[in-house]
Amino acid sequence: MSKNAKIAYVSLIGLVGLIVFLVGLFTHAYGFWVGLIIAIACWVGSGILAKYWEINK
């Protein structure tokens, strides 16, 4: 897999975390705390993946 593809995957996971957080913050689809926990999990997961693939976030 190319370096640009790895960067795209890590960025996409971070973006998903942001979207989940904002949906939890501004809607009643699920609670704020659930959105925050899922978003933190996405951000931590993207950081771990970036470290594993040796790319800078």
C-alpha atoms as a PDB file:
ATOM      1  CA  MET A   1       0.000   0.000   0.000  1.00  0.00           C
ATOM      2  CA  SER A   2       1.354   3.425  -0.871  1.00  0.00           C
ATOM      3  CA  LYS A   3       2.129   6.085   1.697  1.00  0.00           C
ATOM      4  CA  ASN A   4      -0.620   8.357   0.353  1.00  0.00           C
ATOM      5  CA  ALA A   5      -3.196   5.595   0.763  1.00  0.00           C
ATOM      6  CA  LYS A   6      -2.102   5.051   4.367  1.00  0.00           C
ATOM      7  CA  ILE A   7      -2.405   8.768   5.078  1.00  0.00           C
ATOM      8  CA  ALA A   8      -5.874   8.773   3.511  1.00  0.00           C
ATOM      9  CA  TYR A   9      -7.048   5.873   5.707  1.00  0.00           C
ATOM     10  CA  VAL A  10      -5.749   7.489   8.890  1.00  0.00           C
ATOM     11  CA  SER A  11      -7.342  10.818   7.957  1.00  0.00           C
ATOM     12  CA  LEU A  12     -10.630   9.115   7.119  1.00  0.00           C
ATOM     13  CA  ILE A  13     -10.766   7.430  10.525  1.00  0.00           C
ATOM     14  CA  GLY A  14     -10.104  10.780  12.197  1.00  0.00           C
ATOM     15  CA  LEU A  15     -12.849  12.384  10.115  1.00  0.00           C
ATOM     16  CA  VAL A  16     -15.301   9.646  11.094  1.00  0.00           C
ATOM     17  CA  GLY A  17     -14.472  10.375  14.736  1.00  0.00           C
ATOM     18  CA  LEU A  18     -15.196  14.060  14.207  1.00  0.00           C
ATOM     19  CA  ILE A  19     -18.504  13.360  12.462  1.00  0.00           C
ATOM     20  CA  VAL A  20     -19.604  10.957  15.218  1.00  0.00           C
ATOM     21  CA  PHE A  21     -18.722  13.560  17.835  1.00  0.00           C
ATOM     22  CA  LEU A  22     -20.641  16.331  16.066  1.00  0.00           C
ATOM     23  CA  VAL A  23     -23.707  14.142  15.520  1.00  0.00           C
ATOM     24  CA  GLY A  24     -23.699  13.253  19.217  1.00  0.00           C
ATOM     25  CA  LEU A  25     -23.279  16.903  20.139  1.00  0.00           C
ATOM     26  CA  PHE A  26     -25.959  18.466  17.933  1.00  0.00           C
ATOM     27  CA  THR A  27     -28.610  15.762  17.556  1.00  0.00           C
ATOM     28  CA  HIS A  28     -30.482  13.307  19.722  1.00  0.00           C
ATOM     29  CA  ALA A  29     -29.522  10.256  17.650  1.00  0.00           C
ATOM     30  CA  TYR A  30     -27.486   9.102  20.643  1.00  0.00           C
ATOM     31  CA  GLY A  31     -26.182  10.812  23.737  1.00  0.00           C
ATOM     32  CA  PHE A  32     -23.288  13.224  23.932  1.00  0.00           C
ATOM     33  CA  TRP A  33     -21.212  10.859  26.040  1.00  0.00           C
ATOM     34  CA  VAL A  34     -21.671   7.953  23.636  1.00  0.00           C
ATOM     35  CA  GLY A  35     -20.544  10.159  20.739  1.00  0.00           C
ATOM     36  CA  LEU A  36     -17.571  11.395  22.723  1.00  0.00           C
ATOM     37  CA  ILE A  37     -16.448   7.897  23.666  1.00  0.00           C
ATOM     38  CA  ILE A  38     -16.765   6.615  20.093  1.00  0.00           C
ATOM     39  CA  ALA A  39     -14.941   9.687  18.754  1.00  0.00           C
ATOM     40  CA  ILE A  40     -12.078   9.240  21.214  1.00  0.00           C
ATOM     41  CA  ALA A  41     -11.846   5.581  20.222  1.00  0.00           C
ATOM     42  CA  CYS A  42     -11.622   6.570  16.545  1.00  0.00           C
ATOM     43  CA  TRP A  43      -8.958   9.182  17.235  1.00  0.00           C
ATOM     44  CA  VAL A  44      -6.883   6.844  19.379  1.00  0.00           C
ATOM     45  CA  GLY A  45      -7.278   4.106  16.781  1.00  0.00           C
ATOM     46  CA  SER A  46      -6.111   6.409  14.001  1.00  0.00           C
ATOM     47  CA  GLY A  47      -3.108   7.438  16.090  1.00  0.00           C
ATOM     48  CA  ILE A  48      -2.166   3.822  16.738  1.00  0.00           C
ATOM     49  CA  LEU A  49      -2.578   2.985  13.060  1.00  0.00           C
ATOM     50  CA  ALA A  50      -0.437   5.975  12.048  1.00  0.00           C
ATOM     51  CA  LYS A  51       2.271   4.900  14.480  1.00  0.00           C
ATOM     52  CA  TYR A  52       2.130   1.310  13.188  1.00  0.00           C
ATOM     53  CA  TRP A  53       2.368   2.442   9.545  1.00  0.00           C
ATOM     54  CA  GLU A  54       5.129   4.947  10.452  1.00  0.00           C
ATOM     55  CA  ILE A  55       3.408   8.042   9.067  1.00  0.00           C
ATOM     56  CA  ASN A  56       3.054  11.465  10.622  1.00  0.00           C
ATOM     57  CA  LYS A  57      -0.407  12.698  11.501  1.00  0.00           C
END
